[in-house]
């Protein structure tokens, strides 16, 4: 599943994939693969990304519940 929330948060900070990668210590390709949904990052990497982007794990990495949009609990 694509991580559009991470991509959006990064873009909102006017940060390139390379800048985020440099700050968390991975390659630009890793950031690209996370955003495309081709790579599941470790929890450490998730936490590092969240710290840089000023978001929580839930905000960036927790999938939306499909039934929440329907009003079901």
C-alpha atoms as a PDB file:
ATOM      1  CA  UNK A   1       0.000   0.000   0.000  1.00  0.00           C
ATOM      2  CA  UNK A   2       1.357   3.417  -0.964  1.00  0.00           C
ATOM      3  CA  UNK A   3       2.286   5.712   1.887  1.00  0.00           C
ATOM      4  CA  UNK A   4       0.721   8.932   0.654  1.00  0.00           C
ATOM      5  CA  UNK A   5       0.566  10.294   4.217  1.00  0.00           C
ATOM      6  CA  UNK A   6       4.358  10.197   4.492  1.00  0.00           C
ATOM      7  CA  UNK A   7       4.801  11.683   1.032  1.00  0.00           C
ATOM      8  CA  UNK A   8       2.342  14.463   1.842  1.00  0.00           C
ATOM      9  CA  UNK A   9       4.010  15.267   5.181  1.00  0.00           C
ATOM     10  CA  UNK A  10       7.411  15.396   3.497  1.00  0.00           C
ATOM     11  CA  UNK A  11       6.106  17.647   0.710  1.00  0.00           C
ATOM     12  CA  UNK A  12       4.404  19.938   3.249  1.00  0.00           C
ATOM     13  CA  UNK A  13       7.837  20.547   4.771  1.00  0.00           C
ATOM     14  CA  UNK A  14       9.231  21.256   1.274  1.00  0.00           C
ATOM     15  CA  UNK A  15      11.654  18.366   1.763  1.00  0.00           C
ATOM     16  CA  UNK A  16      12.950  16.171  -1.047  1.00  0.00           C
ATOM     17  CA  UNK A  17      13.259  12.421  -0.762  1.00  0.00           C
ATOM     18  CA  UNK A  18      17.035  12.883  -0.701  1.00  0.00           C
ATOM     19  CA  UNK A  19      16.875  15.395   2.165  1.00  0.00           C
ATOM     20  CA  UNK A  20      14.695  13.077   4.248  1.00  0.00           C
ATOM     21  CA  UNK A  21      16.928  10.119   3.424  1.00  0.00           C
ATOM     22  CA  UNK A  22      20.038  12.050   4.483  1.00  0.00           C
ATOM     23  CA  UNK A  23      18.443  13.069   7.774  1.00  0.00           C
ATOM     24  CA  UNK A  24      17.373   9.531   8.713  1.00  0.00           C
ATOM     25  CA  UNK A  25      20.476   7.812   7.345  1.00  0.00           C
ATOM     26  CA  UNK A  26      19.101   5.774   4.443  1.00  0.00           C
ATOM     27  CA  UNK A  27      19.235   6.027   0.655  1.00  0.00           C
ATOM     28  CA  UNK A  28      16.806   8.093  -1.399  1.00  0.00           C
ATOM     29  CA  UNK A  29      15.700   4.828  -2.997  1.00  0.00           C
ATOM     30  CA  UNK A  30      14.599   3.540   0.424  1.00  0.00           C
ATOM     31  CA  UNK A  31      12.397   6.599   0.974  1.00  0.00           C
ATOM     32  CA  UNK A  32      10.996   6.181  -2.531  1.00  0.00           C
ATOM     33  CA  UNK A  33      10.228   2.498  -1.927  1.00  0.00           C
ATOM     34  CA  UNK A  34       8.461   3.285   1.373  1.00  0.00           C
ATOM     35  CA  UNK A  35       6.310   5.932  -0.321  1.00  0.00           C
ATOM     36  CA  UNK A  36       5.489   3.561  -3.182  1.00  0.00           C
ATOM     37  CA  UNK A  37       4.594   0.790  -0.756  1.00  0.00           C
ATOM     38  CA  UNK A  38       7.357  -1.506  -2.000  1.00  0.00           C
ATOM     39  CA  UNK A  39       9.274  -1.594   1.294  1.00  0.00           C
ATOM     40  CA  UNK A  40       8.188  -2.052   4.919  1.00  0.00           C
ATOM     41  CA  UNK A  41      10.554  -0.017   7.093  1.00  0.00           C
ATOM     42  CA  UNK A  42      11.751  -1.150  10.501  1.00  0.00           C
ATOM     43  CA  UNK A  43      10.149   0.441  13.538  1.00  0.00           C
ATOM     44  CA  UNK A  44      13.388   2.364  14.167  1.00  0.00           C
ATOM     45  CA  UNK A  45      13.246   3.858  10.692  1.00  0.00           C
ATOM     46  CA  UNK A  46       9.548   4.667  11.111  1.00  0.00           C
ATOM     47  CA  UNK A  47      10.291   6.481  14.375  1.00  0.00           C
ATOM     48  CA  UNK A  48      13.195   8.402  12.795  1.00  0.00           C
ATOM     49  CA  UNK A  49      10.993   9.491   9.884  1.00  0.00           C
ATOM     50  CA  UNK A  50       8.228  10.556  12.273  1.00  0.00           C
ATOM     51  CA  UNK A  51      10.637  12.661  14.335  1.00  0.00           C
ATOM     52  CA  UNK A  52      11.961  14.463  11.255  1.00  0.00           C
ATOM     53  CA  UNK A  53       8.474  15.075   9.839  1.00  0.00           C
ATOM     54  CA  UNK A  54       6.936  16.016  13.202  1.00  0.00           C
ATOM     55  CA  UNK A  55       4.285  13.296  13.006  1.00  0.00           C
ATOM     56  CA  UNK A  56       3.291  10.292  15.109  1.00  0.00           C
ATOM     57  CA  UNK A  57       3.541   6.659  14.036  1.00  0.00           C
ATOM     58  CA  UNK A  58      -0.255   6.550  13.826  1.00  0.00           C
ATOM     59  CA  UNK A  59      -0.349   9.612  11.578  1.00  0.00           C
ATOM     60  CA  UNK A  60       2.154   8.250   9.065  1.00  0.00           C
ATOM     61  CA  UNK A  61       2.135   4.490   9.252  1.00  0.00           C
ATOM     62  CA  UNK A  62      -1.147   3.238  10.705  1.00  0.00           C
ATOM     63  CA  UNK A  63      -3.518   2.222   7.903  1.00  0.00           C
ATOM     64  CA  UNK A  64      -6.914   3.865   7.766  1.00  0.00           C
ATOM     65  CA  UNK A  65      -9.803   1.615   8.710  1.00  0.00           C
ATOM     66  CA  UNK A  66     -11.927   1.046   5.635  1.00  0.00           C
ATOM     67  CA  UNK A  67     -15.140   0.750   7.610  1.00  0.00           C
ATOM     68  CA  UNK A  68     -14.483   4.028   9.474  1.00  0.00           C
ATOM     69  CA  UNK A  69     -15.461   5.936   6.331  1.00  0.00           C
ATOM     70  CA  UNK A  70     -18.829   4.197   6.359  1.00  0.00           C
ATOM     71  CA  UNK A  71     -19.534   5.337   9.903  1.00  0.00           C
ATOM     72  CA  UNK A  72     -19.202   1.844  11.382  1.00  0.00           C
ATOM     73  CA  UNK A  73     -17.292   1.386  14.619  1.00  0.00           C
END
